Every structure is written in structure tokens, then in C-alpha cells.
């Protein structure tokens, strides 16, 4: 992972609004896993909008005038951040998720 994608994930995890959105995506993907329709190849797509919003908010909060969010965090960096979030999701699902379905 690049420095930019790592920074984006750390920022996302430390911003309350973005963290809540991330949690909602985690829950939605967990429901897909419960229904056996989860596709790991498509999972990063669920996080791409979130990483874009995080990049925009990061530049609003910490950028200088003239900084462009899409140049600071390239599409490749945002995609790497999304893949990392999928890895976080899968670790969370395996370790901490409690299904609401009855066994």
C-alpha cells in the first residue's frame, strides 16, 4: 500500500462521519456474506465512493488552497485503500461479526 492510501484509510477510520459510513458498508457486505451472494472481486467497488469522499474531506480539512483531491489521492491510491478496507472487512467478519440469523 502506498503512503497516500494508508493515510486515506487512517483518516477515514478517525473521522466519525466516514467511520459510520464504513460501518454501514461492513454491515451491508456481512448481509451479503450471510446470504452467500458476497463476491470478493466486487467488494472493493462498495468502498470506492467512500474513499472518494474521504479524499475530498481530507483536502478540505488539511489541504492548501489550490490542492486538488484527485491529484493528491490518485484513482490507484483510492483503489488500494478500497482493497485494504475489504481486507479489514473480511478480518472483522471472521473474528467479530455475529450473524443475526438463527443457526
PDB file of N, CA and C in Angstrom:
ATOM      1  N   UNK A   1       0.841  -1.187   0.000  1.00  0.00           N
ATOM      2  CA  UNK A   1       0.000   0.000   0.000  1.00  0.00           C
ATOM      3  C   UNK A   1       0.880   1.242   0.000  1.00  0.00           C
ATOM      4  N   UNK A   2       0.456   2.242  -0.758  1.00  0.00           N
ATOM      5  CA  UNK A   2       1.217   3.479  -0.830  1.00  0.00           C
ATOM      6  C   UNK A   2       0.970   4.320   0.429  1.00  0.00           C
ATOM      7  N   UNK A   3       1.806   5.324   0.600  1.00  0.00           N
ATOM      8  CA  UNK A   3       1.664   6.233   1.745  1.00  0.00           C
ATOM      9  C   UNK A   3       0.310   6.937   1.671  1.00  0.00           C
ATOM     10  N   UNK A   4      -0.089   7.337   0.467  1.00  0.00           N
ATOM     11  CA  UNK A   4      -1.353   8.057   0.293  1.00  0.00           C
ATOM     12  C   UNK A   4      -2.549   7.177   0.648  1.00  0.00           C
ATOM     13  N   UNK A   5      -2.537   5.934   0.201  1.00  0.00           N
ATOM     14  CA  UNK A   5      -3.669   5.058   0.506  1.00  0.00           C
ATOM     15  C   UNK A   5      -3.717   4.727   1.995  1.00  0.00           C
ATOM     16  N   UNK A   6      -2.556   4.558   2.618  1.00  0.00           N
ATOM     17  CA  UNK A   6      -2.514   4.327   4.065  1.00  0.00           C
ATOM     18  C   UNK A   6      -3.068   5.532   4.811  1.00  0.00           C
ATOM     19  N   UNK A   7      -2.660   6.723   4.406  1.00  0.00           N
ATOM     20  CA  UNK A   7      -3.134   7.957   5.032  1.00  0.00           C
ATOM     21  C   UNK A   7      -4.649   8.094   4.870  1.00  0.00           C
ATOM     22  N   UNK A   8      -5.156   7.733   3.715  1.00  0.00           N
ATOM     23  CA  UNK A   8      -6.591   7.817   3.452  1.00  0.00           C
ATOM     24  C   UNK A   8      -7.373   6.877   4.371  1.00  0.00           C
ATOM     25  N   UNK A   9      -6.890   5.651   4.538  1.00  0.00           N
ATOM     26  CA  UNK A   9      -7.563   4.687   5.426  1.00  0.00           C
ATOM     27  C   UNK A   9      -7.501   5.168   6.874  1.00  0.00           C
ATOM     28  N   UNK A  10      -6.359   5.678   7.312  1.00  0.00           N
ATOM     29  CA  UNK A  10      -6.236   6.180   8.686  1.00  0.00           C
ATOM     30  C   UNK A  10      -7.170   7.366   8.922  1.00  0.00           C
ATOM     31  N   UNK A  11      -7.240   8.270   7.947  1.00  0.00           N
ATOM     32  CA  UNK A  11      -8.126   9.421   8.069  1.00  0.00           C
ATOM     33  C   UNK A  11      -9.577   8.969   8.152  1.00  0.00           C
ATOM     34  N   UNK A  12      -9.926   8.035   7.303  1.00  0.00           N
ATOM     35  CA  UNK A  12     -11.283   7.502   7.250  1.00  0.00           C
ATOM     36  C   UNK A  12     -11.679   6.879   8.591  1.00  0.00           C
ATOM     37  N   UNK A  13     -10.753   6.150   9.202  1.00  0.00           N
ATOM     38  CA  UNK A  13     -11.036   5.488  10.473  1.00  0.00           C
ATOM     39  C   UNK A  13     -11.134   6.467  11.640  1.00  0.00           C
ATOM     40  N   UNK A  14     -10.585   7.663  11.483  1.00  0.00           N
ATOM     41  CA  UNK A  14     -10.571   8.637  12.578  1.00  0.00           C
ATOM     42  C   UNK A  14     -11.554   9.780  12.398  1.00  0.00           C
ATOM     43  N   UNK A  15     -12.360   9.734  11.354  1.00  0.00           N
ATOM     44  CA  UNK A  15     -13.395  10.732  11.139  1.00  0.00           C
ATOM     45  C   UNK A  15     -14.741  10.063  11.433  1.00  0.00           C
ATOM     46  N   UNK A  16     -15.512  10.640  12.327  1.00  0.00           N
ATOM     47  CA  UNK A  16     -16.746   9.990  12.785  1.00  0.00           C
ATOM     48  C   UNK A  16     -17.730   9.716  11.657  1.00  0.00           C
ATOM     49  N   UNK A  17     -17.987  10.711  10.811  1.00  0.00           N
ATOM     50  CA  UNK A  17     -18.947  10.522   9.727  1.00  0.00           C
ATOM     51  C   UNK A  17     -18.494   9.420   8.764  1.00  0.00           C
ATOM     52  N   UNK A  18     -17.227   9.462   8.376  1.00  0.00           N
ATOM     53  CA  UNK A  18     -16.703   8.461   7.443  1.00  0.00           C
ATOM     54  C   UNK A  18     -16.664   7.083   8.083  1.00  0.00           C
ATOM     55  N   UNK A  19     -16.348   7.021   9.366  1.00  0.00           N
ATOM     56  CA  UNK A  19     -16.319   5.735  10.060  1.00  0.00           C
ATOM     57  C   UNK A  19     -17.712   5.112  10.111  1.00  0.00           C
ATOM     58  N   UNK A  20     -18.739   5.954  10.325  1.00  0.00           N
ATOM     59  CA  UNK A  20     -20.114   5.445  10.344  1.00  0.00           C
ATOM     60  C   UNK A  20     -20.502   4.896   8.976  1.00  0.00           C
ATOM     61  N   UNK A  21     -20.093   5.572   7.915  1.00  0.00           N
ATOM     62  CA  UNK A  21     -20.366   5.074   6.562  1.00  0.00           C
ATOM     63  C   UNK A  21     -19.645   3.753   6.316  1.00  0.00           C
ATOM     64  N   UNK A  22     -18.405   3.672   6.778  1.00  0.00           N
ATOM     65  CA  UNK A  22     -17.638   2.430   6.642  1.00  0.00           C
ATOM     66  C   UNK A  22     -18.337   1.294   7.376  1.00  0.00           C
ATOM     67  N   UNK A  23     -18.822   1.562   8.570  1.00  0.00           N
ATOM     68  CA  UNK A  23     -19.532   0.547   9.351  1.00  0.00           C
ATOM     69  C   UNK A  23     -20.801   0.088   8.638  1.00  0.00           C
ATOM     70  N   UNK A  24     -21.501   1.022   8.011  1.00  0.00           N
ATOM     71  CA  UNK A  24     -22.717   0.664   7.273  1.00  0.00           C
ATOM     72  C   UNK A  24     -22.379  -0.245   6.087  1.00  0.00           C
ATOM     73  N   UNK A  25     -21.279   0.036   5.414  1.00  0.00           N
ATOM     74  CA  UNK A  25     -20.843  -0.815   4.301  1.00  0.00           C
ATOM     75  C   UNK A  25     -20.449  -2.189   4.826  1.00  0.00           C
ATOM     76  N   UNK A  26     -19.764  -2.234   5.957  1.00  0.00           N
ATOM     77  CA  UNK A  26     -19.406  -3.519   6.572  1.00  0.00           C
ATOM     78  C   UNK A  26     -20.663  -4.353   6.828  1.00  0.00           C
ATOM     79  N   UNK A  27     -21.692  -3.722   7.412  1.00  0.00           N
ATOM     80  CA  UNK A  27     -22.922  -4.449   7.719  1.00  0.00           C
ATOM     81  C   UNK A  27     -23.612  -4.937   6.445  1.00  0.00           C
ATOM     82  N   UNK A  28     -23.622  -4.102   5.406  1.00  0.00           N
ATOM     83  CA  UNK A  28     -24.251  -4.498   4.143  1.00  0.00           C
ATOM     84  C   UNK A  28     -23.515  -5.681   3.512  1.00  0.00           C
ATOM     85  N   UNK A  29     -22.188  -5.639   3.543  1.00  0.00           N
ATOM     86  CA  UNK A  29     -21.418  -6.755   2.988  1.00  0.00           C
ATOM     87  C   UNK A  29     -21.578  -8.016   3.832  1.00  0.00           C
ATOM     88  N   UNK A  30     -21.719  -7.845   5.136  1.00  0.00           N
ATOM     89  CA  UNK A  30     -21.934  -9.001   6.016  1.00  0.00           C
ATOM     90  C   UNK A  30     -23.257  -9.685   5.682  1.00  0.00           C
ATOM     91  N   UNK A  31     -24.276  -8.895   5.385  1.00  0.00           N
ATOM     92  CA  UNK A  31     -25.565  -9.475   4.997  1.00  0.00           C
ATOM     93  C   UNK A  31     -25.415 -10.264   3.696  1.00  0.00           C
ATOM     94  N   UNK A  32     -24.624  -9.727   2.762  1.00  0.00           N
ATOM     95  CA  UNK A  32     -24.373 -10.451   1.513  1.00  0.00           C
ATOM     96  C   UNK A  32     -23.658 -11.764   1.788  1.00  0.00           C
ATOM     97  N   UNK A  33     -22.690 -11.728   2.706  1.00  0.00           N
ATOM     98  CA  UNK A  33     -21.975 -12.961   3.057  1.00  0.00           C
ATOM     99  C   UNK A  33     -22.926 -13.972   3.697  1.00  0.00           C
ATOM    100  N   UNK A  34     -23.827 -13.492   4.539  1.00  0.00           N
ATOM    101  CA  UNK A  34     -24.813 -14.367   5.178  1.00  0.00           C
ATOM    102  C   UNK A  34     -25.716 -15.039   4.141  1.00  0.00           C
ATOM    103  N   UNK A  35     -26.066 -14.286   3.113  1.00  0.00           N
ATOM    104  CA  UNK A  35     -26.946 -14.824   2.065  1.00  0.00           C
ATOM    105  C   UNK A  35     -26.171 -15.595   0.996  1.00  0.00           C
ATOM    106  N   UNK A  36     -24.855 -15.659   1.162  1.00  0.00           N
ATOM    107  CA  UNK A  36     -23.977 -16.380   0.218  1.00  0.00           C
ATOM    108  C   UNK A  36     -23.960 -15.754  -1.177  1.00  0.00           C
ATOM    109  N   UNK A  37     -24.116 -14.430  -1.254  1.00  0.00           N
ATOM    110  CA  UNK A  37     -24.034 -13.735  -2.536  1.00  0.00           C
ATOM    111  C   UNK A  37     -22.852 -12.761  -2.579  1.00  0.00           C
ATOM    112  N   UNK A  38     -22.006 -12.811  -1.569  1.00  0.00           N
ATOM    113  CA  UNK A  38     -20.818 -11.944  -1.481  1.00  0.00           C
ATOM    114  C   UNK A  38     -19.800 -12.377  -2.532  1.00  0.00           C
ATOM    115  N   UNK A  39     -19.260 -11.398  -3.248  1.00  0.00           N
ATOM    116  CA  UNK A  39     -18.230 -11.651  -4.258  1.00  0.00           C
ATOM    117  C   UNK A  39     -17.025 -10.770  -3.921  1.00  0.00           C
ATOM    118  N   UNK A  40     -15.924 -11.394  -3.524  1.00  0.00           N
ATOM    119  CA  UNK A  40     -14.735 -10.649  -3.101  1.00  0.00           C
ATOM    120  C   UNK A  40     -14.203  -9.747  -4.211  1.00  0.00           C
ATOM    121  N   UNK A  41     -14.354 -10.168  -5.461  1.00  0.00           N
ATOM    122  CA  UNK A  41     -13.862  -9.356  -6.579  1.00  0.00           C
ATOM    123  C   UNK A  41     -14.640  -8.051  -6.712  1.00  0.00           C
ATOM    124  N   UNK A  42     -15.920  -8.052  -6.338  1.00  0.00           N
ATOM    125  CA  UNK A  42     -16.751  -6.855  -6.447  1.00  0.00           C
ATOM    126  C   UNK A  42     -16.750  -6.005  -5.184  1.00  0.00           C
ATOM    127  N   UNK A  43     -16.269  -6.554  -4.088  1.00  0.00           N
ATOM    128  CA  UNK A  43     -16.317  -5.852  -2.804  1.00  0.00           C
ATOM    129  C   UNK A  43     -15.603  -4.498  -2.795  1.00  0.00           C
ATOM    130  N   UNK A  44     -14.433  -4.338  -3.452  1.00  0.00           N
ATOM    131  CA  UNK A  44     -13.807  -3.011  -3.424  1.00  0.00           C
ATOM    132  C   UNK A  44     -14.689  -1.915  -4.016  1.00  0.00           C
ATOM    133  N   UNK A  45     -15.552  -2.284  -4.936  1.00  0.00           N
ATOM    134  CA  UNK A  45     -16.454  -1.304  -5.543  1.00  0.00           C
ATOM    135  C   UNK A  45     -17.365  -0.668  -4.493  1.00  0.00           C
ATOM    136  N   UNK A  46     -17.705  -1.435  -3.461  1.00  0.00           N
ATOM    137  CA  UNK A  46     -18.557  -0.918  -2.387  1.00  0.00           C
ATOM    138  C   UNK A  46     -17.871   0.213  -1.620  1.00  0.00           C
ATOM    139  N   UNK A  47     -16.553   0.189  -1.576  1.00  0.00           N
ATOM    140  CA  UNK A  47     -15.803   1.189  -0.816  1.00  0.00           C
ATOM    141  C   UNK A  47     -15.276   2.347  -1.659  1.00  0.00           C
ATOM    142  N   UNK A  48     -15.387   2.290  -2.970  1.00  0.00           N
ATOM    143  CA  UNK A  48     -14.801   3.335  -3.819  1.00  0.00           C
ATOM    144  C   UNK A  48     -15.429   4.706  -3.572  1.00  0.00           C
ATOM    145  N   UNK A  49     -16.737   4.763  -3.433  1.00  0.00           N
ATOM    146  CA  UNK A  49     -17.395   6.044  -3.160  1.00  0.00           C
ATOM    147  C   UNK A  49     -16.928   6.599  -1.813  1.00  0.00           C
ATOM    148  N   UNK A  50     -16.776   5.716  -0.827  1.00  0.00           N
ATOM    149  CA  UNK A  50     -16.311   6.132   0.498  1.00  0.00           C
ATOM    150  C   UNK A  50     -14.889   6.690   0.438  1.00  0.00           C
ATOM    151  N   UNK A  51     -14.007   6.036  -0.299  1.00  0.00           N
ATOM    152  CA  UNK A  51     -12.627   6.536  -0.388  1.00  0.00           C
ATOM    153  C   UNK A  51     -12.570   7.867  -1.139  1.00  0.00           C
ATOM    154  N   UNK A  52     -13.461   8.050  -2.103  1.00  0.00           N
ATOM    155  CA  UNK A  52     -13.531   9.336  -2.815  1.00  0.00           C
ATOM    156  C   UNK A  52     -13.983  10.436  -1.871  1.00  0.00           C
ATOM    157  N   UNK A  53     -15.022  10.160  -1.084  1.00  0.00           N
ATOM    158  CA  UNK A  53     -15.498  11.146  -0.111  1.00  0.00           C
ATOM    159  C   UNK A  53     -14.421  11.455   0.926  1.00  0.00           C
ATOM    160  N   UNK A  54     -13.693  10.440   1.361  1.00  0.00           N
ATOM    161  CA  UNK A  54     -12.609  10.647   2.333  1.00  0.00           C
ATOM    162  C   UNK A  54     -11.513  11.529   1.744  1.00  0.00           C
ATOM    163  N   UNK A  55     -11.175  11.314   0.477  1.00  0.00           N
ATOM    164  CA  UNK A  55     -10.143  12.129  -0.176  1.00  0.00           C
ATOM    165  C   UNK A  55     -10.580  13.585  -0.257  1.00  0.00           C
ATOM    166  N   UNK A  56     -11.828  13.821  -0.617  1.00  0.00           N
ATOM    167  CA  UNK A  56     -12.342  15.199  -0.703  1.00  0.00           C
ATOM    168  C   UNK A  56     -12.331  15.871   0.665  1.00  0.00           C
ATOM    169  N   UNK A  57     -12.789  15.150   1.688  1.00  0.00           N
ATOM    170  CA  UNK A  57     -12.831  15.720   3.046  1.00  0.00           C
ATOM    171  C   UNK A  57     -11.421  15.960   3.576  1.00  0.00           C
ATOM    172  N   UNK A  58     -10.495  15.072   3.272  1.00  0.00           N
ATOM    173  CA  UNK A  58      -9.113  15.240   3.708  1.00  0.00           C
ATOM    174  C   UNK A  58      -8.538  16.549   3.163  1.00  0.00           C
ATOM    175  N   UNK A  59      -8.751  16.803   1.884  1.00  0.00           N
ATOM    176  CA  UNK A  59      -8.226  18.034   1.274  1.00  0.00           C
ATOM    177  C   UNK A  59      -8.935  19.256   1.844  1.00  0.00           C
ATOM    178  N   UNK A  60     -10.252  19.163   2.081  1.00  0.00           N
ATOM    179  CA  UNK A  60     -10.959  20.293   2.705  1.00  0.00           C
ATOM    180  C   UNK A  60     -10.403  20.594   4.083  1.00  0.00           C
ATOM    181  N   UNK A  61     -10.092  19.542   4.858  1.00  0.00           N
ATOM    182  CA  UNK A  61      -9.619  19.732   6.229  1.00  0.00           C
ATOM    183  C   UNK A  61      -8.145  20.110   6.320  1.00  0.00           C
ATOM    184  N   UNK A  62      -7.302  19.510   5.466  1.00  0.00           N
ATOM    185  CA  UNK A  62      -5.859  19.667   5.634  1.00  0.00           C
ATOM    186  C   UNK A  62      -5.127  20.234   4.418  1.00  0.00           C
ATOM    187  N   UNK A  63      -5.807  20.402   3.315  1.00  0.00           N
ATOM    188  CA  UNK A  63      -5.144  20.844   2.097  1.00  0.00           C
ATOM    189  C   UNK A  63      -4.879  22.339   2.070  1.00  0.00           C
ATOM    190  N   UNK A  64      -3.991  22.721   1.189  1.00  0.00           N
ATOM    191  CA  UNK A  64      -3.703  24.126   0.956  1.00  0.00           C
ATOM    192  C   UNK A  64      -4.595  24.619  -0.177  1.00  0.00           C
ATOM    193  N   UNK A  65      -4.783  25.921  -0.274  1.00  0.00           N
ATOM    194  CA  UNK A  65      -5.550  26.426  -1.409  1.00  0.00           C
ATOM    195  C   UNK A  65      -4.889  25.978  -2.723  1.00  0.00           C
ATOM    196  N   UNK A  66      -5.678  25.498  -3.613  1.00  0.00           N
ATOM    197  CA  UNK A  66      -5.145  25.025  -4.886  1.00  0.00           C
ATOM    198  C   UNK A  66      -4.880  23.532  -4.930  1.00  0.00           C
ATOM    199  N   UNK A  67      -4.877  22.854  -3.773  1.00  0.00           N
ATOM    200  CA  UNK A  67      -4.704  21.398  -3.770  1.00  0.00           C
ATOM    201  C   UNK A  67      -5.929  20.753  -4.396  1.00  0.00           C
ATOM    202  N   UNK A  68      -5.700  19.750  -5.178  1.00  0.00           N
ATOM    203  CA  UNK A  68      -6.797  19.023  -5.810  1.00  0.00           C
ATOM    204  C   UNK A  68      -6.846  17.608  -5.222  1.00  0.00           C
ATOM    205  N   UNK A  69      -8.031  17.222  -4.755  1.00  0.00           N
ATOM    206  CA  UNK A  69      -8.186  15.927  -4.085  1.00  0.00           C
ATOM    207  C   UNK A  69      -7.843  14.775  -5.010  1.00  0.00           C
ATOM    208  N   UNK A  70      -8.175  14.900  -6.295  1.00  0.00           N
ATOM    209  CA  UNK A  70      -7.953  13.794  -7.229  1.00  0.00           C
ATOM    210  C   UNK A  70      -6.505  13.704  -7.702  1.00  0.00           C
ATOM    211  N   UNK A  71      -5.702  14.713  -7.399  1.00  0.00           N
ATOM    212  CA  UNK A  71      -4.269  14.620  -7.682  1.00  0.00           C
ATOM    213  C   UNK A  71      -3.506  14.159  -6.443  1.00  0.00           C
ATOM    214  N   UNK A  72      -3.969  14.582  -5.280  1.00  0.00           N
ATOM    215  CA  UNK A  72      -3.341  14.150  -4.038  1.00  0.00           C
ATOM    216  C   UNK A  72      -3.572  12.664  -3.810  1.00  0.00           C
ATOM    217  N   UNK A  73      -4.802  12.229  -4.041  1.00  0.00           N
ATOM    218  CA  UNK A  73      -5.162  10.812  -3.902  1.00  0.00           C
ATOM    219  C   UNK A  73      -5.609  10.306  -5.269  1.00  0.00           C
ATOM    220  N   UNK A  74      -4.690   9.719  -5.980  1.00  0.00           N
ATOM    221  CA  UNK A  74      -4.970   9.244  -7.342  1.00  0.00           C
ATOM    222  C   UNK A  74      -5.998   8.111  -7.314  1.00  0.00           C
ATOM    223  N   UNK A  75      -6.591   7.798  -8.471  1.00  0.00           N
ATOM    224  CA  UNK A  75      -7.518   6.665  -8.522  1.00  0.00           C
ATOM    225  C   UNK A  75      -6.870   5.357  -8.053  1.00  0.00           C
ATOM    226  N   UNK A  76      -5.590   5.182  -8.337  1.00  0.00           N
ATOM    227  CA  UNK A  76      -4.884   3.975  -7.900  1.00  0.00           C
ATOM    228  C   UNK A  76      -4.794   3.941  -6.374  1.00  0.00           C
ATOM    229  N   UNK A  77      -4.481   5.084  -5.760  1.00  0.00           N
ATOM    230  CA  UNK A  77      -4.411   5.152  -4.298  1.00  0.00           C
ATOM    231  C   UNK A  77      -5.769   4.862  -3.664  1.00  0.00           C
ATOM    232  N   UNK A  78      -6.817   5.432  -4.245  1.00  0.00           N
ATOM    233  CA  UNK A  78      -8.160   5.198  -3.700  1.00  0.00           C
ATOM    234  C   UNK A  78      -8.567   3.743  -3.870  1.00  0.00           C
ATOM    235  N   UNK A  79      -8.180   3.132  -4.980  1.00  0.00           N
ATOM    236  CA  UNK A  79      -8.482   1.714  -5.213  1.00  0.00           C
ATOM    237  C   UNK A  79      -7.725   0.829  -4.211  1.00  0.00           C
ATOM    238  N   UNK A  80      -6.447   1.157  -3.959  1.00  0.00           N
ATOM    239  CA  UNK A  80      -5.674   0.392  -2.964  1.00  0.00           C
ATOM    240  C   UNK A  80      -6.296   0.529  -1.575  1.00  0.00           C
ATOM    241  N   UNK A  81      -6.771   1.734  -1.249  1.00  0.00           N
ATOM    242  CA  UNK A  81      -7.436   1.937   0.040  1.00  0.00           C
ATOM    243  C   UNK A  81      -8.705   1.089   0.115  1.00  0.00           C
ATOM    244  N   UNK A  82      -9.455   1.012  -0.982  1.00  0.00           N
ATOM    245  CA  UNK A  82     -10.682   0.206  -1.013  1.00  0.00           C
ATOM    246  C   UNK A  82     -10.361  -1.272  -0.831  1.00  0.00           C
ATOM    247  N   UNK A  83      -9.302  -1.745  -1.466  1.00  0.00           N
ATOM    248  CA  UNK A  83      -8.892  -3.151  -1.309  1.00  0.00           C
ATOM    249  C   UNK A  83      -8.486  -3.419   0.143  1.00  0.00           C
ATOM    250  N   UNK A  84      -7.791  -2.470   0.746  1.00  0.00           N
ATOM    251  CA  UNK A  84      -7.414  -2.621   2.152  1.00  0.00           C
ATOM    252  C   UNK A  84      -8.656  -2.680   3.048  1.00  0.00           C
ATOM    253  N   UNK A  85      -9.661  -1.880   2.732  1.00  0.00           N
ATOM    254  CA  UNK A  85     -10.895  -1.900   3.510  1.00  0.00           C
ATOM    255  C   UNK A  85     -11.616  -3.245   3.367  1.00  0.00           C
ATOM    256  N   UNK A  86     -11.524  -3.853   2.198  1.00  0.00           N
ATOM    257  CA  UNK A  86     -12.101  -5.195   2.013  1.00  0.00           C
ATOM    258  C   UNK A  86     -11.377  -6.189   2.917  1.00  0.00           C
ATOM    259  N   UNK A  87     -10.057  -6.080   2.985  1.00  0.00           N
ATOM    260  CA  UNK A  87      -9.292  -6.961   3.869  1.00  0.00           C
ATOM    261  C   UNK A  87      -9.697  -6.747   5.324  1.00  0.00           C
ATOM    262  N   UNK A  88      -9.904  -5.484   5.714  1.00  0.00           N
ATOM    263  CA  UNK A  88     -10.370  -5.189   7.074  1.00  0.00           C
ATOM    264  C   UNK A  88     -11.743  -5.816   7.308  1.00  0.00           C
ATOM    265  N   UNK A  89     -12.622  -5.678   6.317  1.00  0.00           N
ATOM    266  CA  UNK A  89     -13.960  -6.250   6.442  1.00  0.00           C
ATOM    267  C   UNK A  89     -13.895  -7.758   6.647  1.00  0.00           C
ATOM    268  N   UNK A  90     -13.110  -8.436   5.837  1.00  0.00           N
ATOM    269  CA  UNK A  90     -13.042  -9.892   5.935  1.00  0.00           C
ATOM    270  C   UNK A  90     -12.459 -10.339   7.271  1.00  0.00           C
ATOM    271  N   UNK A  91     -11.488  -9.604   7.805  1.00  0.00           N
ATOM    272  CA  UNK A  91     -10.937  -9.918   9.125  1.00  0.00           C
ATOM    273  C   UNK A  91     -11.992  -9.684  10.207  1.00  0.00           C
ATOM    274  N   UNK A  92     -12.732  -8.580  10.080  1.00  0.00           N
ATOM    275  CA  UNK A  92     -13.793  -8.273  11.046  1.00  0.00           C
ATOM    276  C   UNK A  92     -14.878  -9.337  10.985  1.00  0.00           C
ATOM    277  N   UNK A  93     -15.272  -9.727   9.792  1.00  0.00           N
ATOM    278  CA  UNK A  93     -16.333 -10.726   9.636  1.00  0.00           C
ATOM    279  C   UNK A  93     -15.917 -12.053  10.253  1.00  0.00           C
ATOM    280  N   UNK A  94     -14.685 -12.445  10.024  1.00  0.00           N
ATOM    281  CA  UNK A  94     -14.196 -13.727  10.547  1.00  0.00           C
ATOM    282  C   UNK A  94     -14.063 -13.714  12.069  1.00  0.00           C
ATOM    283  N   UNK A  95     -13.691 -12.576  12.644  1.00  0.00           N
ATOM    284  CA  UNK A  95     -13.384 -12.534  14.077  1.00  0.00           C
ATOM    285  C   UNK A  95     -14.532 -12.004  14.942  1.00  0.00           C
ATOM    286  N   UNK A  96     -15.201 -10.947  14.500  1.00  0.00           N
ATOM    287  CA  UNK A  96     -16.110 -10.230  15.390  1.00  0.00           C
ATOM    288  C   UNK A  96     -17.580 -10.262  15.013  1.00  0.00           C
ATOM    289  N   UNK A  97     -17.893 -10.589  13.790  1.00  0.00           N
ATOM    290  CA  UNK A  97     -19.286 -10.483  13.332  1.00  0.00           C
ATOM    291  C   UNK A  97     -20.153 -11.568  13.943  1.00  0.00           C
ATOM    292  N   UNK A  98     -21.277 -11.153  14.462  1.00  0.00           N
ATOM    293  CA  UNK A  98     -22.276 -12.077  14.982  1.00  0.00           C
ATOM    294  C   UNK A  98     -23.480 -12.003  14.074  1.00  0.00           C
ATOM    295  N   UNK A  99     -23.742 -13.065  13.373  1.00  0.00           N
ATOM    296  CA  UNK A  99     -24.863 -13.094  12.439  1.00  0.00           C
ATOM    297  C   UNK A  99     -26.177 -12.950  13.192  1.00  0.00           C
ATOM    298  N   UNK A 100     -27.126 -12.273  12.579  1.00  0.00           N
ATOM    299  CA  UNK A 100     -28.435 -12.116  13.189  1.00  0.00           C
ATOM    300  C   UNK A 100     -29.341 -13.286  12.824  1.00  0.00           C
ATOM    301  N   UNK A 101     -28.853 -14.159  11.955  1.00  0.00           N
ATOM    302  CA  UNK A 101     -29.633 -15.339  11.572  1.00  0.00           C
ATOM    303  C   UNK A 101     -29.526 -16.393  12.671  1.00  0.00           C
ATOM    304  N   UNK A 102     -30.570 -17.146  12.818  1.00  0.00           N
ATOM    305  CA  UNK A 102     -30.550 -18.249  13.790  1.00  0.00           C
ATOM    306  C   UNK A 102     -29.873 -19.450  13.136  1.00  0.00           C
ATOM    307  N   UNK A 103     -29.017 -20.095  13.895  1.00  0.00           N
ATOM    308  CA  UNK A 103     -28.270 -21.237  13.361  1.00  0.00           C
ATOM    309  C   UNK A 103     -29.114 -22.487  13.294  1.00  0.00           C
TER     310      UNK A 103
END
